Protein backbone atom coordinates (compact mmCIF):
# COMPACT_ATOMS: atom_id res chain seq x y z
CA MET A 1 -4.97 17.19 -1.33
CA SER A 2 -3.20 15.21 0.41
CA ILE A 3 0.14 15.44 1.66
CA ASN A 4 1.83 12.36 0.53
CA CYS A 5 4.30 11.01 3.22
CA LEU A 6 7.66 8.93 3.29
CA ILE A 7 9.00 7.76 7.03
CA ILE A 8 12.74 6.75 7.22
CA ASP A 9 13.82 5.15 10.16
CA ASP A 10 15.79 2.09 11.23
CA GLU A 11 13.86 1.73 14.57
CA PRO A 12 10.85 -0.57 14.35
CA LEU A 13 9.05 1.21 17.17
CA SER A 14 9.74 4.49 15.74
CA ARG A 15 7.79 3.83 12.40
CA ASP A 16 5.35 2.06 14.23
CA VAL A 17 4.79 5.32 16.27
CA LEU A 18 4.71 7.23 12.91
CA ARG A 19 2.71 5.23 10.98
CA LYS A 20 -0.17 5.53 13.44
CA TYR A 21 0.10 9.59 13.64
CA VAL A 22 0.07 9.81 10.01
CA GLU A 23 -2.62 7.50 9.68
CA ASP A 24 -4.29 9.30 12.25
CA HIS A 25 -3.93 13.02 10.29
CA PRO A 26 -6.88 13.33 7.84
CA ASP A 27 -4.25 15.38 5.34
CA LEU A 28 -1.51 12.86 5.44
CA SER A 29 -1.37 9.75 3.39
CA LEU A 30 1.26 7.24 3.96
CA LEU A 31 2.97 5.95 0.77
CA ALA A 32 6.11 4.09 2.30
CA GLU A 33 8.29 3.33 5.13
CA CYS A 34 12.02 2.57 4.87
CA LYS A 35 14.49 1.34 7.36
CA ASP A 36 17.65 3.18 5.87
CA ALA A 37 18.69 5.95 3.57
CA PHE A 38 19.42 3.27 0.52
CA GLU A 39 15.50 2.22 0.56
CA ALA A 40 14.34 5.39 0.95
CA MET A 41 16.33 6.14 -2.81
CA THR A 42 14.09 3.58 -4.45
CA ARG A 43 10.89 5.11 -2.99
CA LEU A 44 11.55 8.44 -4.15
CA GLU A 45 12.34 6.99 -7.59
CA GLU A 46 9.07 5.44 -7.73
CA SER A 47 6.74 7.86 -5.80
CA THR A 48 6.02 11.80 -5.80
CA ILE A 49 6.77 12.29 -2.15
CA ASP A 50 5.69 15.68 -0.63
CA LEU A 51 6.88 14.97 2.73
CA ILE A 52 9.66 13.10 4.69
CA PHE A 53 9.79 12.03 8.52
CA LEU A 54 13.31 11.73 8.54
CA ASP A 55 15.76 10.08 11.37
CA ILE A 56 19.06 11.73 11.67
CA ASN A 57 21.16 8.74 13.75
CA MET A 58 21.12 5.86 10.76
CA PRO A 59 23.35 3.56 10.32
CA LYS A 60 25.90 3.79 6.72
CA LEU A 61 24.45 7.42 5.76
CA SER A 62 23.05 9.36 8.59
CA GLY A 63 19.31 11.45 7.65
CA ILE A 64 21.47 14.56 7.23
CA ASN A 65 24.17 13.40 4.75
CA PHE A 66 21.04 11.46 2.71
CA TYR A 67 18.80 14.68 2.26
CA LYS A 68 21.91 16.51 1.29
CA SER A 69 22.55 14.22 -1.31
CA LEU A 70 19.04 14.46 -2.82
CA ASN A 71 18.58 16.66 -6.26
CA GLN A 72 14.90 17.02 -5.89
CA LYS A 73 14.63 17.71 -1.91
CA PRO A 74 10.87 16.87 -0.73
CA MET A 75 9.74 18.91 2.43
CA VAL A 76 11.25 17.31 5.95
CA VAL A 77 10.37 16.99 9.40
CA PHE A 78 13.78 15.49 10.84
CA THR A 79 13.08 12.62 14.09
CA THR A 80 15.70 12.72 16.13
CA ALA A 81 16.45 11.55 20.22
CA TYR A 82 19.68 13.47 20.08
CA PRO A 83 18.65 17.25 20.56
CA GLU A 84 22.64 18.45 19.38
CA PHE A 85 21.41 17.54 15.88
CA ALA A 86 18.82 20.26 16.02
CA VAL A 87 20.70 23.21 14.43
CA GLU A 88 22.12 21.56 11.29
CA GLY A 89 18.70 20.09 10.37
CA PHE A 90 17.10 23.23 10.67
CA GLU A 91 20.11 25.07 8.50
CA LEU A 92 19.07 22.59 6.01
CA ASP A 93 15.37 24.68 5.87
CA ALA A 94 13.86 21.42 7.70
CA ILE A 95 10.10 22.38 8.72
CA ASP A 96 10.27 20.94 11.82
CA TYR A 97 12.15 18.87 14.21
CA LEU A 98 10.74 16.44 16.41
CA LEU A 99 12.71 15.03 19.55
CA LYS A 100 12.01 11.64 20.50
CA PRO A 101 9.64 10.66 21.83
CA PHE A 102 7.07 13.11 20.74
CA SER A 103 3.37 12.98 21.23
CA PHE A 104 0.43 13.18 18.72
CA GLU A 105 0.11 17.13 19.59
CA ARG A 106 3.32 18.08 18.86
CA PHE A 107 3.33 15.99 15.80
CA VAL A 108 0.08 17.76 14.50
CA LYS A 109 2.03 21.12 15.39
CA ALA A 110 4.38 20.03 12.74
CA ILE A 111 2.16 18.95 10.12
CA ASN A 112 0.55 22.91 10.25
CA LYS A 113 3.65 24.40 9.38
CA VAL A 114 4.08 21.75 6.73
CA LYS A 115 0.38 22.97 5.59
CA GLY A 116 1.50 26.29 5.66
CA LYS A 117 4.54 25.93 3.81
CA ASN A 118 2.98 23.84 1.10
CA GLY A 119 -0.21 26.26 0.99
CA GLY A 120 2.44 29.21 0.09
CA GLN A 121 3.75 27.15 -2.43
CA GLU A 122 2.32 26.44 -5.92
CA LYS A 123 2.81 22.51 -6.33
CA GLU A 124 4.29 21.41 -9.94
CA VAL A 125 1.47 19.57 -11.53
CA SER A 126 3.00 16.92 -14.21
CA ASP A 127 0.95 15.00 -16.77
CA PHE A 128 3.08 11.48 -16.12
CA ILE A 129 4.01 9.23 -13.54
CA MET A 130 7.01 7.00 -13.57
CA LEU A 131 6.29 3.57 -13.26
CA LYS A 132 8.80 1.03 -12.43
CA ALA A 133 8.35 -2.66 -14.23
CA ASP A 134 10.72 -5.21 -15.68
CA LYS A 135 13.85 -3.36 -14.02
CA LYS A 136 13.13 -0.18 -15.71
CA MET A 137 11.44 3.24 -15.22
CA TYR A 138 8.86 3.99 -17.67
CA ARG A 139 7.73 7.60 -17.82
CA THR A 140 4.03 7.29 -18.34
CA ALA A 141 1.55 10.01 -19.89
CA TYR A 142 -1.76 10.04 -17.64
CA ASP A 143 -3.57 10.16 -20.60
CA ASP A 144 -2.23 7.01 -22.41
CA ILE A 145 -3.32 4.86 -18.98
CA LEU A 146 -6.79 2.96 -19.70
CA PHE A 147 -6.80 1.47 -16.32
CA PHE A 148 -5.53 0.03 -13.18
CA GLU A 149 -5.89 -3.57 -12.10
CA ALA A 150 -4.93 -5.01 -8.59
CA LEU A 151 -2.86 -8.51 -8.65
CA GLY A 152 -2.31 -9.54 -5.48
CA ASP A 153 0.89 -7.68 -4.28
CA TYR A 154 1.12 -6.10 -7.67
CA VAL A 155 -1.10 -3.93 -10.12
CA LYS A 156 -1.23 -4.33 -13.90
CA VAL A 157 -1.27 -1.21 -15.88
CA HIS A 158 -3.25 -1.28 -19.38
CA THR A 159 -2.47 1.59 -21.48
CA ARG A 160 -3.18 2.43 -24.87
CA ASP A 161 0.12 -0.03 -26.66
CA ARG A 162 1.34 -2.10 -23.48
CA VAL A 163 0.42 -3.62 -20.26
CA LEU A 164 2.61 -3.01 -17.11
CA ILE A 165 3.05 -4.99 -13.73
CA ILE A 166 4.25 -2.99 -11.31
CA ALA A 167 4.57 -3.49 -7.69
CA SER A 168 2.02 -1.28 -5.77
CA THR A 169 -1.24 -1.34 -4.24
CA LEU A 170 -4.49 0.70 -5.83
CA LYS A 171 -4.21 2.77 -2.49
CA ARG A 172 -0.75 4.17 -3.08
CA LEU A 173 -1.47 4.46 -6.83
CA LEU A 174 -4.50 6.67 -5.96
CA ALA A 175 -2.70 9.07 -3.80
CA GLU A 176 -0.42 9.80 -6.62
CA LEU A 177 -3.13 10.12 -9.66
CA PRO A 178 -4.79 13.38 -10.34
CA GLU A 179 -8.02 13.36 -8.70
CA ALA A 180 -9.65 14.93 -11.76
CA GLN A 181 -8.48 12.36 -14.45
CA PHE A 182 -9.16 8.98 -12.47
CA ILE A 183 -11.25 7.12 -10.50
CA ARG A 184 -11.73 3.93 -8.37
CA THR A 185 -14.81 1.82 -9.51
CA HIS A 186 -14.15 -1.28 -7.28
CA LYS A 187 -11.39 -2.75 -5.02
CA SER A 188 -9.70 -3.99 -7.68
CA PHE A 189 -9.72 -1.49 -10.21
CA ILE A 190 -9.03 2.26 -11.19
CA ILE A 191 -10.17 3.72 -14.13
CA SER A 192 -9.13 6.49 -16.05
CA LYS A 193 -12.54 9.14 -16.62
CA SER A 194 -11.33 10.12 -20.10
CA LYS A 195 -11.60 6.62 -21.61
CA VAL A 196 -15.16 5.55 -20.34
CA GLU A 197 -17.48 4.62 -23.79
CA TYR A 198 -20.67 3.65 -21.58
CA ILE A 199 -21.86 1.93 -18.46
CA GLU A 200 -23.92 -0.84 -18.57
CA GLY A 201 -25.07 -2.52 -15.75
CA ASN A 202 -22.51 -2.97 -13.20
CA GLN A 203 -19.38 -2.59 -16.07
CA ILE A 204 -17.59 -0.08 -17.44
CA LYS A 205 -16.59 -0.28 -21.13
CA ILE A 206 -13.36 0.97 -21.37
CA GLY A 207 -11.12 0.45 -24.71
CA GLU A 208 -11.82 -3.64 -25.47
CA GLN A 209 -12.58 -4.30 -22.05
CA MET A 210 -15.27 -3.88 -19.67
CA VAL A 211 -14.00 -3.18 -15.70
CA SER A 212 -16.57 -3.68 -12.47
CA ILE A 213 -17.82 -1.24 -10.48
CA GLY A 214 -18.23 -2.41 -7.23
CA GLN A 215 -21.73 -2.04 -5.25
CA ALA A 216 -19.61 0.15 -2.82
CA PHE A 217 -18.35 2.36 -5.34
CA ARG A 218 -21.19 2.99 -7.12
CA GLU A 219 -22.69 5.82 -6.15
CA SER A 220 -19.42 7.76 -6.55
CA VAL A 221 -18.58 6.40 -9.66
CA LEU A 222 -21.78 7.81 -11.38
CA GLN A 223 -21.15 11.07 -9.92
CA GLY A 224 -17.45 11.07 -10.57
CA LEU A 225 -18.12 10.35 -14.06
CA GLY A 226 -21.15 13.16 -14.49
CA TYR A 227 -24.11 10.42 -14.65
């Protein structure tokens, strides 16, 4: 299972390096990157984050104080140019401490530690996802979701009784959704497998609507749905 990551660093160059490292690692999925702790708080409310790459020396609120403030603490790898912060970082049960500038090889060693710790813990399985729409957080059961539809920089979430419009991408959502229940059928659609009524040509009947199957997705969709 992919490890969902969040980068928090006020330096654009540092974010660029970490983004490239995360994208190059097959076990990692970058859900978001933030320039400060306050932006990160919103991201943590919106998404299920397994691992934070957290800069320590940031304006307004340091990485260490930010991490201390969290009620639910994801795994953390601290990143900083200041080695004197290492002891305090490890006292917070940090997985690792990366001293800038660090190589991709050193980054991979940190991820191997993450995988070892993650493999020793049974990840909590939930039956819902929190979706932010209309300045509210909706607790939405997976079983109530019919399909997701891309809408520019937003996504329309079609459920049994409402349509929510959220600021996200299908790629980010797919990383959060349980693979056993959802599948991408098109560059613009993710569907709930259990809601499929039938397939006709390059379309799938879900509820009152027909959802497209993209040519590039057709084989994986048919296999994923057991056809």
